[in-house]
Protein backbone atom coordinates (compact mmCIF):
# COMPACT_ATOMS: atom_id res chain seq x y z
CA UNK A 1 61.38 -1.62 15.85
CA UNK A 2 59.41 -2.49 12.23
CA UNK A 3 58.11 0.41 10.46
CA UNK A 4 55.35 0.63 8.04
CA UNK A 5 56.13 1.39 4.48
CA UNK A 6 54.77 4.71 3.38
CA UNK A 7 53.39 5.16 0.04
CA UNK A 8 56.42 7.10 -1.15
CA UNK A 9 58.58 4.76 0.06
CA UNK A 10 56.79 1.72 -2.23
CA UNK A 11 57.37 3.71 -5.14
CA UNK A 12 60.98 4.67 -4.43
CA UNK A 13 61.31 0.75 -4.35
CA UNK A 14 59.37 0.28 -7.26
CA UNK A 15 61.69 2.23 -8.94
CA UNK A 16 65.01 0.58 -8.02
CA UNK A 17 65.81 -2.37 -10.23
CA UNK A 18 65.76 -6.18 -9.07
CA UNK A 19 69.09 -8.19 -9.44
CA UNK A 20 67.44 -9.58 -12.81
CA UNK A 21 67.32 -6.16 -13.91
CA UNK A 22 63.05 -5.95 -13.85
CA UNK A 23 61.24 -3.52 -12.28
CA UNK A 24 59.03 -4.31 -8.84
CA UNK A 25 55.35 -4.76 -9.42
CA UNK A 26 54.68 -3.07 -5.89
CA UNK A 27 53.73 0.21 -7.96
CA UNK A 28 50.58 -1.22 -8.94
CA UNK A 29 49.11 -2.04 -5.62
CA UNK A 30 48.83 1.33 -3.62
CA UNK A 31 47.03 3.43 -6.37
CA UNK A 32 44.89 0.61 -7.49
CA UNK A 33 43.95 -0.59 -3.80
CA UNK A 34 42.73 2.89 -3.37
CA UNK A 35 41.13 3.19 -6.73
CA UNK A 36 39.35 -0.09 -5.82
CA UNK A 37 38.23 0.87 -2.30
CA UNK A 38 36.69 3.86 -4.10
CA UNK A 39 34.98 1.76 -6.78
CA UNK A 40 33.19 -0.48 -3.85
CA UNK A 41 32.21 2.64 -2.45
CA UNK A 42 30.40 3.71 -5.54
CA UNK A 43 28.85 0.17 -5.89
CA UNK A 44 27.30 0.62 -2.40
CA UNK A 45 26.04 4.11 -3.04
CA UNK A 46 24.55 2.91 -6.60
CA UNK A 47 22.63 -0.58 -4.53
CA UNK A 48 21.18 1.65 -1.68
CA UNK A 49 19.84 4.37 -4.37
CA UNK A 50 17.82 1.04 -5.91
CA UNK A 51 16.89 -0.99 -3.29
CA UNK A 52 14.36 1.09 -1.67
CA UNK A 53 10.80 -0.16 -2.65
CA UNK A 54 8.31 2.60 -1.07
CA UNK A 55 9.42 5.39 0.51
CA UNK A 56 7.93 6.90 3.78
CA UNK A 57 4.08 7.96 3.81
CA UNK A 58 4.44 11.72 2.82
CA UNK A 59 1.30 14.24 3.31
CA UNK A 60 -0.05 14.50 0.19
CA UNK A 61 -3.61 16.37 -0.62
CA UNK A 62 -6.55 14.15 -1.72
CA UNK A 63 -6.73 12.71 -5.25
CA UNK A 64 -9.00 11.69 -7.70
CA UNK A 65 -9.19 7.35 -8.17
CA UNK A 66 -10.31 6.64 -11.28
CA UNK A 67 -10.95 2.84 -11.24
CA UNK A 68 -14.66 2.96 -10.28
CA UNK A 69 -16.76 3.58 -7.25
CA UNK A 70 -17.41 1.42 -4.08
CA UNK A 71 -21.01 1.93 -2.02
CA UNK A 72 -22.80 0.27 0.51
CA UNK A 73 -21.98 -0.91 4.00
CA UNK A 74 -24.79 -2.55 5.33
CA UNK A 75 -23.93 -4.81 7.95
CA UNK A 76 -25.23 -7.66 10.70
CA UNK A 77 -23.30 -9.37 13.37
CA UNK A 78 -22.40 -12.82 12.36
CA UNK A 79 -24.55 -14.43 14.77
CA UNK A 80 -27.54 -11.99 14.33
CA UNK A 81 -30.32 -12.73 11.37
CA UNK A 82 -30.73 -9.45 9.92
CA UNK A 83 -32.99 -7.91 7.15
CA UNK A 84 -32.16 -3.89 6.36
CA UNK A 85 -33.60 -1.59 3.39
CA UNK A 86 -31.95 1.87 2.81
CA UNK A 87 -32.04 4.43 0.09
CA UNK A 88 -29.12 5.05 -1.81
CA UNK A 89 -28.74 8.64 -0.35
CA UNK A 90 -29.03 7.51 3.13
CA UNK A 91 -25.46 5.23 2.82
CA UNK A 92 -22.82 6.63 4.99
CA UNK A 93 -19.29 7.03 2.68
CA UNK A 94 -17.31 3.79 2.54
CA UNK A 95 -13.99 4.82 4.07
CA UNK A 96 -11.00 2.26 3.40
CA UNK A 97 -8.19 2.76 5.93
CA UNK A 98 -4.63 1.80 4.93
CA UNK A 99 -2.95 1.20 8.65
CA UNK A 100 -0.48 -1.13 10.49
CA UNK A 101 -0.01 -1.60 14.23
CA UNK A 102 3.82 0.17 13.95
CA UNK A 103 2.46 2.87 12.09
CA UNK A 104 2.17 6.14 14.72
CA UNK A 105 0.54 8.64 11.95
CA UNK A 106 -2.05 5.90 11.47
CA UNK A 107 -3.44 6.60 15.04
CA UNK A 108 -3.21 10.34 14.32
CA UNK A 109 -5.49 9.72 11.08
CA UNK A 110 -7.70 7.11 12.57
CA UNK A 111 -8.68 9.20 15.45
CA UNK A 112 -9.73 12.25 13.25
CA UNK A 113 -11.68 9.34 10.95
CA UNK A 114 -13.19 8.57 14.62
CA UNK A 115 -14.88 12.14 14.96
CA UNK A 116 -16.31 11.73 11.49
CA UNK A 117 -17.81 8.54 12.16
CA UNK A 118 -19.59 9.83 15.48
CA UNK A 119 -21.20 12.32 13.23
CA UNK A 120 -22.59 9.52 11.31
CA UNK A 121 -20.76 10.01 8.02
CA UNK A 122 -18.48 6.88 7.10
CA UNK A 123 -18.22 3.33 7.62
CA UNK A 124 -14.33 2.10 8.26
CA UNK A 125 -12.44 -0.76 6.69
CA UNK A 126 -9.21 -1.11 7.77
CA UNK A 127 -6.65 -2.97 5.44
CA UNK A 128 -3.78 -3.81 7.59
CA UNK A 129 0.44 -3.89 6.02
CA UNK A 130 1.34 -7.37 5.98
CA UNK A 131 4.92 -5.78 7.26
CA UNK A 132 5.61 -6.74 10.74
CA UNK A 133 1.63 -6.62 11.55
CA UNK A 134 -0.14 -9.73 12.89
CA UNK A 135 -3.56 -8.42 11.05
CA UNK A 136 -2.25 -8.15 7.53
CA UNK A 137 -3.25 -10.38 4.82
CA UNK A 138 -1.53 -10.70 1.24
CA UNK A 139 -4.27 -10.91 -0.49
CA UNK A 140 -6.13 -7.72 0.96
CA UNK A 141 -3.18 -5.93 0.65
CA UNK A 142 -2.03 -6.71 -3.16
CA UNK A 143 -5.71 -5.58 -3.77
CA UNK A 144 -4.91 -2.21 -2.21
CA UNK A 145 -1.48 -2.20 -4.06
CA UNK A 146 -3.50 -2.74 -7.85
CA UNK A 147 -6.29 -0.96 -7.03
CA UNK A 148 -4.83 2.27 -5.06
CA UNK A 149 -1.46 2.21 -6.01
CA UNK A 150 1.07 1.23 -3.38
CA UNK A 151 2.15 3.58 -0.22
CA UNK A 152 3.27 3.64 3.14
CA UNK A 153 0.37 3.66 5.87
CA UNK A 154 -1.55 5.90 6.39
CA UNK A 155 -3.50 5.84 3.66
CA UNK A 156 -7.05 6.66 3.56
CA UNK A 157 -9.83 6.24 0.20
CA UNK A 158 -13.63 7.42 -0.14
CA UNK A 159 -16.09 5.90 -1.90
CA UNK A 160 -13.53 3.92 -4.12
CA UNK A 161 -13.32 7.48 -5.85
CA UNK A 162 -10.56 9.84 -3.61
CA UNK A 163 -7.49 8.89 -2.17
CA UNK A 164 -5.33 10.75 0.75
CA UNK A 165 -1.72 9.58 1.91
CA UNK A 166 -0.23 10.80 5.08
CA UNK A 167 -1.62 12.50 8.07
CA UNK A 168 -1.09 16.78 7.33
CA UNK A 169 -4.43 18.43 6.38
CA UNK A 170 -4.46 20.64 3.16
CA UNK A 171 -7.45 22.53 4.78
CA UNK A 172 -6.35 25.20 7.22
CA UNK A 173 -9.96 26.22 9.08
CA UNK A 174 -8.96 25.59 12.64
CA UNK A 175 -5.79 26.69 14.72
CA UNK A 176 -4.74 23.00 15.02
CA UNK A 177 -4.11 19.79 12.39
CA UNK A 178 -6.33 17.41 14.14
CA UNK A 179 -9.94 19.50 13.78
CA UNK A 180 -8.60 21.03 9.74
CA UNK A 181 -7.94 16.95 9.35
CA UNK A 182 -11.27 15.88 10.62
CA UNK A 183 -12.81 19.06 8.73
CA UNK A 184 -10.76 17.61 5.14
CA UNK A 185 -12.34 13.98 5.76
CA UNK A 186 -15.73 15.37 6.63
CA UNK A 187 -16.47 16.94 3.11
CA UNK A 188 -14.44 14.18 1.39
CA UNK A 189 -17.33 12.29 2.97
CA UNK A 190 -20.08 14.10 1.95
CA UNK A 191 -19.03 13.64 -1.65
CA UNK A 192 -22.00 12.69 -3.89
CA UNK A 193 -21.70 9.44 -6.18
CA UNK A 194 -24.40 10.36 -8.14
CA UNK A 195 -25.89 7.12 -7.59
CA UNK A 196 -29.84 9.03 -8.08
CA UNK A 197 -32.73 7.53 -6.53
CA UNK A 198 -32.34 4.57 -5.73
CA UNK A 199 -32.38 1.41 -2.71
CA UNK A 200 -30.36 -1.37 -1.43
CA UNK A 201 -31.93 -4.62 0.47
CA UNK A 202 -29.44 -6.48 2.67
CA UNK A 203 -30.33 -10.14 4.46
CA UNK A 204 -27.98 -12.20 6.49
CA UNK A 205 -28.98 -15.33 7.96
CA UNK A 206 -26.52 -17.15 10.02
CA UNK A 207 -26.37 -20.92 9.36
CA UNK A 208 -23.49 -22.25 11.92
CA UNK A 209 -20.62 -20.56 13.08
CA UNK A 210 -18.50 -20.74 10.20
CA UNK A 211 -20.89 -20.00 7.45
CA UNK A 212 -24.13 -18.03 6.68
CA UNK A 213 -26.43 -17.07 3.78
CA UNK A 214 -26.19 -13.37 2.44
CA UNK A 215 -29.00 -12.02 0.10
CA UNK A 216 -28.67 -8.91 -2.08
CA UNK A 217 -31.20 -6.89 -3.95
CA UNK A 218 -29.81 -3.52 -5.38
CA UNK A 219 -32.04 -0.88 -7.55
CA UNK A 220 -29.89 1.34 -9.68
CA UNK A 221 -29.92 3.10 -12.60
CA UNK A 222 -28.40 0.88 -15.33
CA UNK A 223 -26.70 4.32 -16.78
CA UNK A 224 -23.92 3.30 -14.19
CA UNK A 225 -22.89 -0.12 -15.25
CA UNK A 226 -22.80 1.02 -18.95
CA UNK A 227 -19.58 0.05 -19.73
CA UNK A 228 -18.97 -1.37 -16.26
CA UNK A 229 -19.05 -4.47 -14.28
CA UNK A 230 -20.99 -4.55 -10.69
CA UNK A 231 -18.97 -7.00 -7.97
CA UNK A 232 -21.20 -7.62 -5.07
CA UNK A 233 -19.06 -8.60 -2.24
CA UNK A 234 -19.26 -9.50 1.55
CA UNK A 235 -16.61 -8.19 3.87
CA UNK A 236 -15.93 -9.85 6.81
CA UNK A 237 -15.10 -7.24 9.53
CA UNK A 238 -13.75 -7.80 13.31
CA UNK A 239 -15.31 -5.17 15.41
CA UNK A 240 -12.07 -4.67 17.29
CA UNK A 241 -9.46 -6.75 18.54
CA UNK A 242 -6.62 -6.11 21.94
CA UNK A 243 -2.88 -6.22 20.68
CA UNK A 244 -0.62 -4.81 23.26
CA UNK A 245 2.49 -5.74 21.29
CA UNK A 246 1.57 -2.90 18.72
CA UNK A 247 4.36 -0.13 18.91
CA UNK A 248 2.27 2.88 17.89
CA UNK A 249 0.51 2.72 21.12
CA UNK A 250 -3.05 1.82 20.12
CA UNK A 251 -3.96 -1.26 22.16
CA UNK A 252 -7.27 -1.82 20.50
CA UNK A 253 -7.03 -2.26 16.67
CA UNK A 254 -10.75 -1.29 15.33
CA UNK A 255 -12.59 -2.43 12.34
CA UNK A 256 -10.14 -5.06 10.94
CA UNK A 257 -11.14 -6.76 7.33
CA UNK A 258 -10.65 -10.45 7.43
CA UNK A 259 -11.45 -10.85 3.86
CA UNK A 260 -13.69 -9.99 0.69
CA UNK A 261 -15.70 -12.33 -0.99
CA UNK A 262 -17.10 -11.95 -4.42
CA UNK A 263 -20.60 -13.05 -4.19
CA UNK A 264 -21.76 -12.55 -7.77
CA UNK A 265 -22.47 -9.62 -10.50
CA UNK A 266 -26.27 -8.89 -10.88
CA UNK A 267 -28.62 -6.74 -8.89
CA UNK A 268 -30.26 -9.67 -7.22
CA UNK A 269 -28.96 -12.69 -5.52
CA UNK A 270 -28.29 -15.10 -2.86
CA UNK A 271 -24.86 -16.43 -1.67
CA UNK A 272 -22.78 -18.29 0.76
CA UNK A 273 -20.25 -16.53 3.00
CA UNK A 274 -17.89 -18.37 5.05
CA UNK A 275 -17.10 -17.15 8.43
CA UNK A 276 -12.91 -17.18 9.43
CA UNK A 277 -12.37 -17.56 13.35
CA UNK A 278 -11.85 -14.01 15.10
CA UNK A 279 -8.89 -12.94 16.39
CA UNK A 280 -10.56 -12.63 19.71
CA UNK A 281 -13.99 -12.39 21.29
CA UNK A 282 -17.36 -13.18 19.18
CA UNK A 283 -17.43 -9.71 17.53
CA UNK A 284 -17.07 -10.36 13.91
CA UNK A 285 -19.58 -8.70 11.30
CA UNK A 286 -20.77 -9.24 7.70
CA UNK A 287 -20.80 -6.23 5.52
CA UNK A 288 -22.67 -6.06 2.17
CA UNK A 289 -20.83 -3.62 -0.62
CA UNK A 290 -21.18 -2.74 -4.22
CA UNK A 291 -17.90 -2.26 -6.68
CA UNK A 292 -18.74 -0.66 -9.67
CA UNK A 293 -15.56 -1.07 -11.85
CA UNK A 294 -14.98 0.07 -15.13
CA UNK A 295 -14.35 -2.38 -17.92
CA UNK A 296 -10.70 -2.58 -18.98
CA UNK A 297 -9.96 -1.16 -22.70
CA UNK A 298 -9.94 -3.41 -25.88
CA UNK A 299 -5.97 -3.17 -25.94
CA UNK A 300 -4.43 -6.04 -24.82
CA UNK A 301 -4.10 -5.94 -20.89
CA UNK A 302 -0.82 -7.64 -20.75
CA UNK A 303 0.83 -5.18 -22.78
CA UNK A 304 -0.25 -2.48 -21.02
CA UNK A 305 1.58 -4.15 -17.82
CA UNK A 306 4.49 -4.79 -19.36
CA UNK A 307 4.97 -1.19 -20.46
CA UNK A 308 4.27 -0.30 -16.94
CA UNK A 309 7.00 -2.61 -15.39
CA UNK A 310 9.20 -1.58 -18.15
CA UNK A 311 8.55 2.23 -17.08
CA UNK A 312 9.13 1.73 -13.53
CA UNK A 313 11.54 -1.20 -13.01
CA UNK A 314 13.65 -1.32 -15.82
CA UNK A 315 15.75 1.74 -15.59
CA UNK A 316 16.56 1.24 -11.97
CA UNK A 317 18.29 -2.08 -12.86
CA UNK A 318 19.53 -0.53 -16.15
CA UNK A 319 21.01 2.20 -13.98
CA UNK A 320 22.67 -0.20 -11.61
CA UNK A 321 24.08 -2.88 -14.21
CA UNK A 322 25.34 0.42 -16.22
CA UNK A 323 27.19 2.01 -13.48
CA UNK A 324 28.43 -1.35 -12.19
CA UNK A 325 30.19 -1.72 -15.87
CA UNK A 326 31.69 1.28 -15.82
CA UNK A 327 33.02 0.88 -12.37
CA UNK A 328 34.70 -2.31 -13.43
CA UNK A 329 35.99 -0.96 -16.57
CA UNK A 330 37.40 1.85 -15.40
CA UNK A 331 39.14 -0.41 -12.84
CA UNK A 332 40.55 -2.82 -15.15
CA UNK A 333 41.78 0.15 -17.59
CA UNK A 334 43.39 1.74 -14.39
CA UNK A 335 45.32 -1.96 -14.05
CA UNK A 336 46.10 -2.39 -16.86
CA UNK A 337 47.35 1.14 -18.28
CA UNK A 338 51.04 1.11 -20.04
CA UNK A 339 53.56 2.45 -17.93
CA UNK A 340 52.16 1.63 -14.59
């Protein structure tokens, strides 16, 4: 019966000269093979360490977002003519929710928000991930990333000023996490934007099934727009959509934002709004929201972006390249070492 040669036997044969007086070259193969296997394993570890883009969402305390504010929320059913006038102090908190049909933690967060909404404190707007979610759109997800920094669902932002990621509450008032999260969200909804005395008027007139006209009038102290830009926007929202293939078991997904349309930058105006096709039923709404965005500093924005990319992306790539170079250099040095 044939037997496999052991490493010791290979080394012993390698020391025995051949008929032409030269040594056998087989002694390189065994140790070099082991080394290359180790090198490949190291390369795989390096690749695994840098290919993860967004880690799973962890529960974090609510943190301020320093890029302006979002307020308003007056709305109408897309097929109904509507006129509304409200004081700014009476507006509900605008809550943007980053969610997904596969995100189980999102269901927990949304149920807590529903309890806050039942108390008349908030207006919800759900932005869906584009990862395996039929309700996600690249434009809305990119907006979330640019405005609030990337994160995995769930993420919640109140009035564009405070962001919370994850589902675990940071308050400990009650004996269960759900009520604690409701308590925390309620406190965030009560935060005063300091808009002062003022009002907003909203008028929606549908012209056909695919379009309508939105008119607005904002009475706001001019001091809020110093070194800032006012964006007047229409958010087209679907009240709810049935989707039984969602893996988080929600079944029906509410407050789905279809798109955001910038109407202008002045405090009074009129603009057309296009209406998308609803996912199901006839339940589209048109919402009026105001966004105050600080003007960028005088420094070149491209330089800021470049510095950010260098600080976030380049180190990981450089580390990978350096690691691969070191491994390959060591492999060749082992192979070419004299006397081996």
